[in-house]
């Protein structure tokens, strides 16, 4: 996977050339090594047999230079195409960020192309990767072969997911850099999407407790004391007799005179002050939590998103520079 080292200010992406044996994977890497500027390429390491068949893998680092203070590098690998080296192919795919599938355009190699593409899907699945979500392109190599199949027929057979395809003659360098340029842009775009998802997930949601504390509490309505009615048999202007042991009743005013108004039960000043303090404290805590979440999660998410966008633009520009160097060469 993509490695971003903020301490060393480096970004490393891994790209793998995959395909059947003798399809031109190593030739693609050799052309990139020949045409890339000296200050941007590392040493090409190749472990091959006497017949120039890749035994383990080929490796070449490609440095795109400093981008917004970060050094951006691509690690380019090839895998052996022989079927009995499947464990090696699987090992090289570990941590891959993008794949260039190099297919042989020869009609006699069609079945090998299909089996190799199926093998790629299976090996990625063992690492928990779905090829539909992994940036990858297909290069139809050896277009100068007299028995080369039409591109439309190759598309119907191999390109089941509708990924970008390129025609190439790797021996002469035709189509090599356009293939690498498009895949590099796709890899960096995937980094940008991944960082956007992470920054969105890191934003804290409003706390239910803070909202509950900030909401004003409704005071219970005051209940008035019911007026006492004169008991049956009582005389006017006199309080009715009450049985022994019963609670005392409020005196009733004579007819024609206004009786005393019931007094509403009001909350004490200390209770009102404590309730207002709780409301202010809850709102302050909610604002503090929201501000803290914005400063930590949101700020870092915006920084990473902006940084990834700069990586995308500058890295694609670097690959375009390589393409122009190739054309001048």
C-alpha atoms as a PDB file:
ATOM      1  CA  UNK A   1       0.000   0.000   0.000  1.00  0.00           C
ATOM      2  CA  UNK A   2       1.009   3.645  -0.327  1.00  0.00           C
ATOM      3  CA  UNK A   3       3.518   4.683   2.313  1.00  0.00           C
ATOM      4  CA  UNK A   4       3.635   8.326   3.439  1.00  0.00           C
ATOM      5  CA  UNK A   5       6.546   9.045   5.775  1.00  0.00           C
ATOM      6  CA  UNK A   6       6.159  12.536   7.236  1.00  0.00           C
ATOM      7  CA  UNK A   7       9.423  12.213   9.172  1.00  0.00           C
ATOM      8  CA  UNK A   8      11.480  11.557   6.034  1.00  0.00           C
ATOM      9  CA  UNK A   9       9.063  13.543   3.829  1.00  0.00           C
ATOM     10  CA  UNK A  10       8.646  10.660   1.359  1.00  0.00           C
ATOM     11  CA  UNK A  11       5.748   9.073  -0.525  1.00  0.00           C
ATOM     12  CA  UNK A  12       6.262   5.567  -1.978  1.00  0.00           C
ATOM     13  CA  UNK A  13       3.894   3.795  -4.399  1.00  0.00           C
ATOM     14  CA  UNK A  14       4.291   0.224  -5.690  1.00  0.00           C
ATOM     15  CA  UNK A  15       3.450  -0.674  -9.312  1.00  0.00           C
ATOM     16  CA  UNK A  16       3.680  -4.228 -10.667  1.00  0.00           C
ATOM     17  CA  UNK A  17       3.892  -5.358 -14.312  1.00  0.00           C
ATOM     18  CA  UNK A  18       1.891  -8.603 -14.538  1.00  0.00           C
ATOM     19  CA  UNK A  19       1.191 -10.995 -17.393  1.00  0.00           C
ATOM     20  CA  UNK A  20       2.053 -14.319 -19.055  1.00  0.00           C
ATOM     21  CA  UNK A  21       5.596 -15.400 -19.855  1.00  0.00           C
ATOM     22  CA  UNK A  22       7.429 -13.576 -22.650  1.00  0.00           C
ATOM     23  CA  UNK A  23       4.681 -10.945 -22.989  1.00  0.00           C
ATOM     24  CA  UNK A  24       7.117  -8.029 -22.583  1.00  0.00           C
ATOM     25  CA  UNK A  25       6.991  -7.095 -18.879  1.00  0.00           C
ATOM     26  CA  UNK A  26      10.761  -6.833 -18.439  1.00  0.00           C
ATOM     27  CA  UNK A  27      11.082  -5.031 -21.783  1.00  0.00           C
ATOM     28  CA  UNK A  28       8.678  -2.333 -20.522  1.00  0.00           C
ATOM     29  CA  UNK A  29      10.834  -1.825 -17.445  1.00  0.00           C
ATOM     30  CA  UNK A  30      14.038  -1.689 -19.485  1.00  0.00           C
ATOM     31  CA  UNK A  31      12.587   1.023 -21.751  1.00  0.00           C
ATOM     32  CA  UNK A  32      11.558   3.118 -18.733  1.00  0.00           C
ATOM     33  CA  UNK A  33      15.071   2.731 -17.339  1.00  0.00           C
ATOM     34  CA  UNK A  34      16.672   3.756 -20.642  1.00  0.00           C
ATOM     35  CA  UNK A  35      14.499   6.821 -21.275  1.00  0.00           C
ATOM     36  CA  UNK A  36      14.110   8.229 -17.751  1.00  0.00           C
ATOM     37  CA  UNK A  37      16.519  11.019 -16.736  1.00  0.00           C
ATOM     38  CA  UNK A  38      19.569   9.860 -14.812  1.00  0.00           C
ATOM     39  CA  UNK A  39      18.725  11.914 -11.718  1.00  0.00           C
ATOM     40  CA  UNK A  40      15.238  10.364 -11.483  1.00  0.00           C
ATOM     41  CA  UNK A  41      15.965   6.651 -11.841  1.00  0.00           C
ATOM     42  CA  UNK A  42      17.659   4.084  -9.673  1.00  0.00           C
ATOM     43  CA  UNK A  43      19.515   0.950 -10.624  1.00  0.00           C
ATOM     44  CA  UNK A  44      17.600  -1.734 -12.530  1.00  0.00           C
ATOM     45  CA  UNK A  45      17.882  -5.023 -10.656  1.00  0.00           C
ATOM     46  CA  UNK A  46      17.007  -8.161 -12.628  1.00  0.00           C
ATOM     47  CA  UNK A  47      17.350 -11.812 -11.659  1.00  0.00           C
ATOM     48  CA  UNK A  48      16.966 -13.884 -14.818  1.00  0.00           C
ATOM     49  CA  UNK A  49      17.964 -17.232 -16.278  1.00  0.00           C
ATOM     50  CA  UNK A  50      20.357 -17.908 -19.163  1.00  0.00           C
ATOM     51  CA  UNK A  51      17.482 -17.536 -21.617  1.00  0.00           C
ATOM     52  CA  UNK A  52      16.640 -14.039 -20.315  1.00  0.00           C
ATOM     53  CA  UNK A  53      13.555 -15.361 -18.525  1.00  0.00           C
ATOM     54  CA  UNK A  54      12.756 -13.570 -15.266  1.00  0.00           C
ATOM     55  CA  UNK A  55      13.488 -15.982 -12.441  1.00  0.00           C
ATOM     56  CA  UNK A  56      12.395 -13.960  -9.411  1.00  0.00           C
ATOM     57  CA  UNK A  57      11.506 -10.332 -10.238  1.00  0.00           C
ATOM     58  CA  UNK A  58      12.805  -7.106 -11.760  1.00  0.00           C
ATOM     59  CA  UNK A  59      12.916  -3.919  -9.729  1.00  0.00           C
ATOM     60  CA  UNK A  60      13.569  -0.259 -10.461  1.00  0.00           C
ATOM     61  CA  UNK A  61      12.892   2.832  -8.319  1.00  0.00           C
ATOM     62  CA  UNK A  62      11.579   5.897 -10.169  1.00  0.00           C
ATOM     63  CA  UNK A  63      11.929   9.249  -8.401  1.00  0.00           C
ATOM     64  CA  UNK A  64       9.558  12.043  -9.434  1.00  0.00           C
ATOM     65  CA  UNK A  65      11.351  14.636  -7.296  1.00  0.00           C
ATOM     66  CA  UNK A  66      10.123  16.930  -4.540  1.00  0.00           C
ATOM     67  CA  UNK A  67       6.419  17.712  -4.545  1.00  0.00           C
ATOM     68  CA  UNK A  68       5.259  20.254  -1.924  1.00  0.00           C
ATOM     69  CA  UNK A  69       8.282  19.353   0.188  1.00  0.00           C
ATOM     70  CA  UNK A  70       7.639  15.588  -0.115  1.00  0.00           C
ATOM     71  CA  UNK A  71       9.801  13.251  -2.226  1.00  0.00           C
ATOM     72  CA  UNK A  72       7.521  11.118  -4.438  1.00  0.00           C
ATOM     73  CA  UNK A  73       8.790   7.724  -5.592  1.00  0.00           C
ATOM     74  CA  UNK A  74       7.401   4.812  -7.592  1.00  0.00           C
ATOM     75  CA  UNK A  75       8.739   1.300  -7.033  1.00  0.00           C
ATOM     76  CA  UNK A  76       8.385  -0.630 -10.318  1.00  0.00           C
ATOM     77  CA  UNK A  77       8.332  -4.445 -10.232  1.00  0.00           C
ATOM     78  CA  UNK A  78       7.799  -7.267 -12.714  1.00  0.00           C
ATOM     79  CA  UNK A  79       6.821 -10.844 -11.900  1.00  0.00           C
ATOM     80  CA  UNK A  80       7.883 -14.127 -13.538  1.00  0.00           C
ATOM     81  CA  UNK A  81       5.348 -15.277 -16.099  1.00  0.00           C
ATOM     82  CA  UNK A  82       5.905 -19.005 -15.741  1.00  0.00           C
ATOM     83  CA  UNK A  83       3.071 -20.896 -14.039  1.00  0.00           C
ATOM     84  CA  UNK A  84       5.346 -22.761 -11.621  1.00  0.00           C
ATOM     85  CA  UNK A  85       6.518 -19.440 -10.091  1.00  0.00           C
ATOM     86  CA  UNK A  86       3.076 -18.555  -8.757  1.00  0.00           C
ATOM     87  CA  UNK A  87       4.277 -18.268  -5.142  1.00  0.00           C
ATOM     88  CA  UNK A  88       6.811 -15.657  -6.274  1.00  0.00           C
ATOM     89  CA  UNK A  89       4.169 -13.707  -8.205  1.00  0.00           C
ATOM     90  CA  UNK A  90       1.934 -13.717  -5.150  1.00  0.00           C
ATOM     91  CA  UNK A  91       4.794 -12.472  -2.966  1.00  0.00           C
ATOM     92  CA  UNK A  92       5.602  -9.569  -5.312  1.00  0.00           C
ATOM     93  CA  UNK A  93       1.933  -8.491  -5.299  1.00  0.00           C
ATOM     94  CA  UNK A  94       1.998  -7.870  -1.546  1.00  0.00           C
ATOM     95  CA  UNK A  95       1.258  -4.196  -0.840  1.00  0.00           C
ATOM     96  CA  UNK A  96       0.693  -3.341  -4.526  1.00  0.00           C
ATOM     97  CA  UNK A  97      -0.919   0.016  -5.378  1.00  0.00           C
ATOM     98  CA  UNK A  98      -1.386  -0.450  -9.134  1.00  0.00           C
ATOM     99  CA  UNK A  99      -1.001  -3.146 -11.810  1.00  0.00           C
ATOM    100  CA  UNK A 100      -0.086  -2.979 -15.505  1.00  0.00           C
ATOM    101  CA  UNK A 101      -1.252  -6.222 -17.122  1.00  0.00           C
ATOM    102  CA  UNK A 102       0.898  -6.855 -20.201  1.00  0.00           C
ATOM    103  CA  UNK A 103      -0.938  -9.115 -22.668  1.00  0.00           C
ATOM    104  CA  UNK A 104       0.595 -10.775 -25.724  1.00  0.00           C
ATOM    105  CA  UNK A 105      -1.339  -9.815 -28.871  1.00  0.00           C
ATOM    106  CA  UNK A 106      -0.436 -13.085 -30.606  1.00  0.00           C
ATOM    107  CA  UNK A 107      -3.573 -15.160 -31.228  1.00  0.00           C
ATOM    108  CA  UNK A 108      -1.755 -18.306 -30.079  1.00  0.00           C
ATOM    109  CA  UNK A 109      -1.149 -16.670 -26.657  1.00  0.00           C
ATOM    110  CA  UNK A 110      -4.799 -15.838 -25.991  1.00  0.00           C
ATOM    111  CA  UNK A 111      -5.400 -18.700 -23.569  1.00  0.00           C
ATOM    112  CA  UNK A 112      -2.221 -17.844 -21.640  1.00  0.00           C
ATOM    113  CA  UNK A 113      -3.439 -14.248 -21.327  1.00  0.00           C
ATOM    114  CA  UNK A 114      -6.783 -15.423 -19.905  1.00  0.00           C
ATOM    115  CA  UNK A 115      -5.153 -17.785 -17.408  1.00  0.00           C
ATOM    116  CA  UNK A 116      -2.682 -15.138 -16.262  1.00  0.00           C
ATOM    117  CA  UNK A 117      -5.446 -12.562 -15.730  1.00  0.00           C
ATOM    118  CA  UNK A 118      -7.467 -15.085 -13.707  1.00  0.00           C
ATOM    119  CA  UNK A 119      -4.341 -15.824 -11.686  1.00  0.00           C
ATOM    120  CA  UNK A 120      -3.941 -12.110 -10.965  1.00  0.00           C
ATOM    121  CA  UNK A 121      -7.510 -11.917  -9.637  1.00  0.00           C
ATOM    122  CA  UNK A 122      -6.990 -14.965  -7.403  1.00  0.00           C
ATOM    123  CA  UNK A 123      -3.684 -13.771  -5.955  1.00  0.00           C
ATOM    124  CA  UNK A 124      -5.098 -10.339  -5.163  1.00  0.00           C
ATOM    125  CA  UNK A 125      -8.113 -11.936  -3.464  1.00  0.00           C
ATOM    126  CA  UNK A 126      -5.783 -13.786  -1.083  1.00  0.00           C
ATOM    127  CA  UNK A 127      -4.603 -10.368   0.150  1.00  0.00           C
ATOM    128  CA  UNK A 128      -8.196  -9.176   0.512  1.00  0.00           C
ATOM    129  CA  UNK A 129      -8.004  -6.946  -2.586  1.00  0.00           C
ATOM    130  CA  UNK A 130     -10.710  -6.669  -5.245  1.00  0.00           C
ATOM    131  CA  UNK A 131      -9.303  -6.055  -8.714  1.00  0.00           C
ATOM    132  CA  UNK A 132     -12.314  -3.856  -9.501  1.00  0.00           C
ATOM    133  CA  UNK A 133     -11.182  -1.443  -6.779  1.00  0.00           C
ATOM    134  CA  UNK A 134      -7.438  -1.648  -7.509  1.00  0.00           C
ATOM    135  CA  UNK A 135      -6.059   0.799 -10.133  1.00  0.00           C
ATOM    136  CA  UNK A 136      -4.953  -1.291 -13.121  1.00  0.00           C
ATOM    137  CA  UNK A 137      -4.677  -1.023 -16.903  1.00  0.00           C
ATOM    138  CA  UNK A 138      -4.147  -3.495 -19.755  1.00  0.00           C
ATOM    139  CA  UNK A 139      -1.400  -3.121 -22.339  1.00  0.00           C
ATOM    140  CA  UNK A 140      -1.749  -5.067 -25.601  1.00  0.00           C
ATOM    141  CA  UNK A 141       1.889  -5.585 -26.449  1.00  0.00           C
ATOM    142  CA  UNK A 142       3.522  -6.844 -29.684  1.00  0.00           C
ATOM    143  CA  UNK A 143       1.094  -5.039 -31.970  1.00  0.00           C
ATOM    144  CA  UNK A 144       3.679  -5.394 -34.745  1.00  0.00           C
ATOM    145  CA  UNK A 145       3.318  -9.191 -34.706  1.00  0.00           C
ATOM    146  CA  UNK A 146       1.865 -10.564 -37.980  1.00  0.00           C
ATOM    147  CA  UNK A 147      -0.530 -12.797 -36.036  1.00  0.00           C
ATOM    148  CA  UNK A 148      -1.728 -10.029 -33.688  1.00  0.00           C
ATOM    149  CA  UNK A 149      -5.407 -10.201 -32.785  1.00  0.00           C
ATOM    150  CA  UNK A 150      -7.704  -7.175 -33.322  1.00  0.00           C
ATOM    151  CA  UNK A 151      -7.969  -4.920 -30.292  1.00  0.00           C
ATOM    152  CA  UNK A 152     -11.769  -5.216 -30.190  1.00  0.00           C
ATOM    153  CA  UNK A 153     -11.543  -8.991 -29.897  1.00  0.00           C
ATOM    154  CA  UNK A 154      -8.918  -8.748 -27.158  1.00  0.00           C
ATOM    155  CA  UNK A 155     -11.134  -6.297 -25.288  1.00  0.00           C
ATOM    156  CA  UNK A 156     -14.123  -8.649 -25.394  1.00  0.00           C
ATOM    157  CA  UNK A 157     -11.965 -11.481 -24.044  1.00  0.00           C
ATOM    158  CA  UNK A 158      -9.781  -9.792 -21.400  1.00  0.00           C
ATOM    159  CA  UNK A 159     -11.147  -6.371 -20.487  1.00  0.00           C
ATOM    160  CA  UNK A 160     -14.157  -7.554 -18.488  1.00  0.00           C
ATOM    161  CA  UNK A 161     -14.077  -4.549 -16.106  1.00  0.00           C
ATOM    162  CA  UNK A 162     -13.691  -1.791 -18.727  1.00  0.00           C
ATOM    163  CA  UNK A 163     -10.272  -0.506 -17.606  1.00  0.00           C
ATOM    164  CA  UNK A 164      -8.058   1.693 -19.831  1.00  0.00           C
ATOM    165  CA  UNK A 165      -6.189  -0.225 -22.552  1.00  0.00           C
ATOM    166  CA  UNK A 166      -3.113   0.656 -24.636  1.00  0.00           C
ATOM    167  CA  UNK A 167      -1.485  -0.678 -27.772  1.00  0.00           C
ATOM    168  CA  UNK A 168       2.272  -1.053 -27.495  1.00  0.00           C
ATOM    169  CA  UNK A 169       5.433  -2.309 -29.122  1.00  0.00           C
ATOM    170  CA  UNK A 170       7.641  -2.461 -26.046  1.00  0.00           C
ATOM    171  CA  UNK A 171      10.802  -3.323 -28.013  1.00  0.00           C
ATOM    172  CA  UNK A 172      10.733   0.094 -29.692  1.00  0.00           C
ATOM    173  CA  UNK A 173       9.262   1.920 -26.685  1.00  0.00           C
ATOM    174  CA  UNK A 174       5.908   2.620 -28.360  1.00  0.00           C
ATOM    175  CA  UNK A 175       3.080   2.834 -25.811  1.00  0.00           C
ATOM    176  CA  UNK A 176       5.299   2.209 -22.773  1.00  0.00           C
ATOM    177  CA  UNK A 177       5.230   5.675 -21.199  1.00  0.00           C
ATOM    178  CA  UNK A 178       1.550   6.425 -21.965  1.00  0.00           C
ATOM    179  CA  UNK A 179       0.642   3.229 -20.123  1.00  0.00           C
ATOM    180  CA  UNK A 180       2.730   4.184 -17.094  1.00  0.00           C
ATOM    181  CA  UNK A 181       1.478   7.770 -17.127  1.00  0.00           C
ATOM    182  CA  UNK A 182      -2.209   6.819 -16.948  1.00  0.00           C
ATOM    183  CA  UNK A 183      -1.681   4.223 -14.237  1.00  0.00           C
ATOM    184  CA  UNK A 184       0.368   6.667 -12.125  1.00  0.00           C
ATOM    185  CA  UNK A 185      -2.510   9.160 -12.273  1.00  0.00           C
ATOM    186  CA  UNK A 186      -5.015   6.466 -11.270  1.00  0.00           C
ATOM    187  CA  UNK A 187      -2.880   5.434  -8.278  1.00  0.00           C
ATOM    188  CA  UNK A 188      -2.576   9.002  -7.009  1.00  0.00           C
ATOM    189  CA  UNK A 189      -6.291   9.605  -7.504  1.00  0.00           C
ATOM    190  CA  UNK A 190      -7.008   6.530  -5.368  1.00  0.00           C
ATOM    191  CA  UNK A 191      -4.787   8.008  -2.637  1.00  0.00           C
ATOM    192  CA  UNK A 192      -6.801  11.236  -2.762  1.00  0.00           C
ATOM    193  CA  UNK A 193     -10.116   9.353  -2.461  1.00  0.00           C
ATOM    194  CA  UNK A 194      -8.786   7.282   0.433  1.00  0.00           C
ATOM    195  CA  UNK A 195      -7.634  10.392   2.333  1.00  0.00           C
ATOM    196  CA  UNK A 196     -11.003  12.081   1.791  1.00  0.00           C
ATOM    197  CA  UNK A 197     -12.806   9.064   3.271  1.00  0.00           C
ATOM    198  CA  UNK A 198     -10.469   9.027   6.267  1.00  0.00           C
ATOM    199  CA  UNK A 199     -10.915  12.742   6.940  1.00  0.00           C
ATOM    200  CA  UNK A 200     -14.719  12.406   6.729  1.00  0.00           C
ATOM    201  CA  UNK A 201     -14.691   9.468   9.147  1.00  0.00           C
ATOM    202  CA  UNK A 202     -12.481  11.361  11.628  1.00  0.00           C
ATOM    203  CA  UNK A 203     -14.940  14.245  12.065  1.00  0.00           C
ATOM    204  CA  UNK A 204     -16.705  13.793  15.466  1.00  0.00           C
ATOM    205  CA  UNK A 205     -20.494  13.721  15.540  1.00  0.00           C
ATOM    206  CA  UNK A 206     -22.364  16.102  17.908  1.00  0.00           C
ATOM    207  CA  UNK A 207     -22.737  14.557  21.348  1.00  0.00           C
ATOM    208  CA  UNK A 208     -26.267  13.736  22.424  1.00  0.00           C
ATOM    209  CA  UNK A 209     -25.438  14.538  26.026  1.00  0.00           C
ATOM    210  CA  UNK A 210     -24.267  18.040  25.141  1.00  0.00           C
ATOM    211  CA  UNK A 211     -27.422  18.714  23.161  1.00  0.00           C
ATOM    212  CA  UNK A 212     -29.576  17.492  26.049  1.00  0.00           C
ATOM    213  CA  UNK A 213     -27.774  19.724  28.527  1.00  0.00           C
ATOM    214  CA  UNK A 214     -27.887  22.740  26.236  1.00  0.00           C
ATOM    215  CA  UNK A 215     -31.659  22.466  25.710  1.00  0.00           C
ATOM    216  CA  UNK A 216     -33.687  24.607  28.191  1.00  0.00           C
ATOM    217  CA  UNK A 217     -35.657  22.645  30.720  1.00  0.00           C
ATOM    218  CA  UNK A 218     -39.413  23.325  30.929  1.00  0.00           C
ATOM    219  CA  UNK A 219     -40.541  24.329  34.391  1.00  0.00           C
ATOM    220  CA  UNK A 220     -43.601  22.575  35.809  1.00  0.00           C
ATOM    221  CA  UNK A 221     -46.647  24.874  35.969  1.00  0.00           C
ATOM    222  CA  UNK A 222     -47.573  26.128  39.423  1.00  0.00           C
ATOM    223  CA  UNK A 223     -50.662  24.584  40.916  1.00  0.00           C
ATOM    224  CA  UNK A 224     -53.111  26.779  42.812  1.00  0.00           C
ATOM    225  CA  UNK A 225     -54.733  25.639  46.001  1.00  0.00           C
ATOM    226  CA  UNK A 226     -58.412  24.820  45.429  1.00  0.00           C
ATOM    227  CA  UNK A 227     -60.888  27.153  47.188  1.00  0.00           C
ATOM    228  CA  UNK A 228     -62.806  25.532  49.985  1.00  0.00           C
ATOM    229  CA  UNK A 229     -66.579  25.358  49.456  1.00  0.00           C
ATOM    230  CA  UNK A 230     -68.943  25.774  52.375  1.00  0.00           C
ATOM    231  CA  UNK A 231     -70.165  22.493  53.749  1.00  0.00           C
ATOM    232  CA  UNK A 232     -73.821  21.632  53.620  1.00  0.00           C
ATOM    233  CA  UNK A 233     -75.720  22.832  56.654  1.00  0.00           C
ATOM    234  CA  UNK A 234     -73.321  25.649  57.492  1.00  0.00           C
ATOM    235  CA  UNK A 235     -74.444  29.154  58.264  1.00  0.00           C
ATOM    236  CA  UNK A 236     -73.634  32.195  56.180  1.00  0.00           C
ATOM    237  CA  UNK A 237     -70.497  34.025  57.242  1.00  0.00           C
ATOM    238  CA  UNK A 238     -69.417  31.219  59.498  1.00  0.00           C
ATOM    239  CA  UNK A 239     -66.910  28.501  58.875  1.00  0.00           C
ATOM    240  CA  UNK A 240     -68.481  25.062  58.771  1.00  0.00           C
ATOM    241  CA  UNK A 241     -67.818  22.750  61.609  1.00  0.00           C
ATOM    242  CA  UNK A 242     -65.126  20.193  60.909  1.00  0.00           C
ATOM    243  CA  UNK A 243     -64.808  16.784  62.385  1.00  0.00           C
ATOM    244  CA  UNK A 244     -62.202  16.152  64.985  1.00  0.00           C
ATOM    245  CA  UNK A 245     -58.838  15.178  63.599  1.00  0.00           C
ATOM    246  CA  UNK A 246     -59.452  16.607  60.065  1.00  0.00           C
ATOM    247  CA  UNK A 247     -56.968  19.151  58.648  1.00  0.00           C
ATOM    248  CA  UNK A 248     -57.746  22.827  58.901  1.00  0.00           C
ATOM    249  CA  UNK A 249     -59.325  24.452  55.817  1.00  0.00           C
ATOM    250  CA  UNK A 250     -58.761  27.876  54.327  1.00  0.00           C
ATOM    251  CA  UNK A 251     -61.445  30.378  55.564  1.00  0.00           C
ATOM    252  CA  UNK A 252     -64.093  31.316  53.013  1.00  0.00           C
ATOM    253  CA  UNK A 253     -64.986  34.965  52.430  1.00  0.00           C
ATOM    254  CA  UNK A 254     -68.620  36.013  52.760  1.00  0.00           C
ATOM    255  CA  UNK A 255     -70.690  36.557  49.639  1.00  0.00           C
ATOM    256  CA  UNK A 256     -70.044  39.791  47.837  1.00  0.00           C
ATOM    257  CA  UNK A 257     -66.446  39.984  49.025  1.00  0.00           C
ATOM    258  CA  UNK A 258     -63.379  38.813  47.078  1.00  0.00           C
ATOM    259  CA  UNK A 259     -61.573  35.947  48.692  1.00  0.00           C
ATOM    260  CA  UNK A 260     -57.781  35.727  48.975  1.00  0.00           C
ATOM    261  CA  UNK A 261     -56.039  34.773  45.699  1.00  0.00           C
ATOM    262  CA  UNK A 262     -54.131  31.520  45.626  1.00  0.00           C
ATOM    263  CA  UNK A 263     -50.415  32.121  45.552  1.00  0.00           C
ATOM    264  CA  UNK A 264     -48.483  30.306  42.738  1.00  0.00           C
ATOM    265  CA  UNK A 265     -45.557  28.211  43.838  1.00  0.00           C
ATOM    266  CA  UNK A 266     -42.522  29.915  42.286  1.00  0.00           C
ATOM    267  CA  UNK A 267     -39.079  28.340  42.189  1.00  0.00           C
ATOM    268  CA  UNK A 268     -36.552  29.783  44.574  1.00  0.00           C
ATOM    269  CA  UNK A 269     -33.884  32.174  43.200  1.00  0.00           C
ATOM    270  CA  UNK A 270     -31.141  29.636  43.956  1.00  0.00           C
ATOM    271  CA  UNK A 271     -32.913  26.986  41.851  1.00  0.00           C
ATOM    272  CA  UNK A 272     -33.344  29.390  38.901  1.00  0.00           C
ATOM    273  CA  UNK A 273     -29.674  30.382  39.055  1.00  0.00           C
ATOM    274  CA  UNK A 274     -28.455  26.770  39.196  1.00  0.00           C
ATOM    275  CA  UNK A 275     -30.686  25.792  36.231  1.00  0.00           C
ATOM    276  CA  UNK A 276     -29.356  28.672  34.091  1.00  0.00           C
ATOM    277  CA  UNK A 277     -25.779  27.763  35.040  1.00  0.00           C
ATOM    278  CA  UNK A 278     -26.334  24.182  33.983  1.00  0.00           C
ATOM    279  CA  UNK A 279     -27.709  25.334  30.610  1.00  0.00           C
ATOM    280  CA  UNK A 280     -24.766  27.673  30.033  1.00  0.00           C
ATOM    281  CA  UNK A 281     -22.273  24.989  31.090  1.00  0.00           C
ATOM    282  CA  UNK A 282     -23.832  22.371  28.783  1.00  0.00           C
ATOM    283  CA  UNK A 283     -23.739  24.726  25.798  1.00  0.00           C
ATOM    284  CA  UNK A 284     -20.129  25.655  26.556  1.00  0.00           C
ATOM    285  CA  UNK A 285     -19.126  21.989  26.735  1.00  0.00           C
ATOM    286  CA  UNK A 286     -20.876  21.278  23.417  1.00  0.00           C
ATOM    287  CA  UNK A 287     -19.103  24.202  21.705  1.00  0.00           C
ATOM    288  CA  UNK A 288     -15.759  23.126  23.149  1.00  0.00           C
ATOM    289  CA  UNK A 289     -16.202  19.522  21.961  1.00  0.00           C
ATOM    290  CA  UNK A 290     -17.201  20.637  18.477  1.00  0.00           C
ATOM    291  CA  UNK A 291     -14.264  23.075  18.247  1.00  0.00           C
ATOM    292  CA  UNK A 292     -11.818  20.466  19.530  1.00  0.00           C
ATOM    293  CA  UNK A 293     -13.061  17.900  16.955  1.00  0.00           C
ATOM    294  CA  UNK A 294     -12.784  20.436  14.149  1.00  0.00           C
ATOM    295  CA  UNK A 295      -9.222  21.396  15.121  1.00  0.00           C
ATOM    296  CA  UNK A 296      -7.982  17.793  15.384  1.00  0.00           C
ATOM    297  CA  UNK A 297      -9.924  15.718  12.841  1.00  0.00           C
ATOM    298  CA  UNK A 298     -11.071  18.323  10.342  1.00  0.00           C
ATOM    299  CA  UNK A 299      -7.808  20.284  10.233  1.00  0.00           C
ATOM    300  CA  UNK A 300      -5.686  17.199   9.590  1.00  0.00           C
ATOM    301  CA  UNK A 301      -8.178  15.891   7.031  1.00  0.00           C
ATOM    302  CA  UNK A 302      -8.026  19.131   5.041  1.00  0.00           C
ATOM    303  CA  UNK A 303      -4.220  19.134   5.196  1.00  0.00           C
ATOM    304  CA  UNK A 304      -3.930  15.563   3.931  1.00  0.00           C
ATOM    305  CA  UNK A 305      -6.508  16.183   1.177  1.00  0.00           C
ATOM    306  CA  UNK A 306      -4.655  19.279  -0.068  1.00  0.00           C
ATOM    307  CA  UNK A 307      -1.326  17.468   0.125  1.00  0.00           C
ATOM    308  CA  UNK A 308      -2.685  14.507  -1.843  1.00  0.00           C
ATOM    309  CA  UNK A 309      -4.048  16.815  -4.549  1.00  0.00           C
ATOM    310  CA  UNK A 310      -0.612  18.404  -4.912  1.00  0.00           C
ATOM    311  CA  UNK A 311       0.945  14.931  -5.159  1.00  0.00           C
ATOM    312  CA  UNK A 312      -1.512  13.999  -7.915  1.00  0.00           C
ATOM    313  CA  UNK A 313      -0.870  17.059 -10.054  1.00  0.00           C
ATOM    314  CA  UNK A 314       2.902  17.041  -9.676  1.00  0.00           C
ATOM    315  CA  UNK A 315       3.324  13.297 -10.093  1.00  0.00           C
ATOM    316  CA  UNK A 316       1.327  13.257 -13.326  1.00  0.00           C
ATOM    317  CA  UNK A 317       3.389  16.212 -14.506  1.00  0.00           C
ATOM    318  CA  UNK A 318       6.532  14.241 -13.728  1.00  0.00           C
ATOM    319  CA  UNK A 319       5.382  11.284 -15.809  1.00  0.00           C
ATOM    320  CA  UNK A 320       4.491  13.636 -18.665  1.00  0.00           C
ATOM    321  CA  UNK A 321       8.045  14.931 -18.476  1.00  0.00           C
ATOM    322  CA  UNK A 322       9.322  11.385 -18.849  1.00  0.00           C
ATOM    323  CA  UNK A 323       7.107  10.892 -21.899  1.00  0.00           C
ATOM    324  CA  UNK A 324       8.523  14.014 -23.547  1.00  0.00           C
ATOM    325  CA  UNK A 325      12.047  12.841 -22.758  1.00  0.00           C
ATOM    326  CA  UNK A 326      11.155   9.560 -24.402  1.00  0.00           C
ATOM    327  CA  UNK A 327       9.891  11.318 -27.532  1.00  0.00           C
ATOM    328  CA  UNK A 328      13.029  13.452 -27.729  1.00  0.00           C
ATOM    329  CA  UNK A 329      15.187  10.350 -27.339  1.00  0.00           C
END
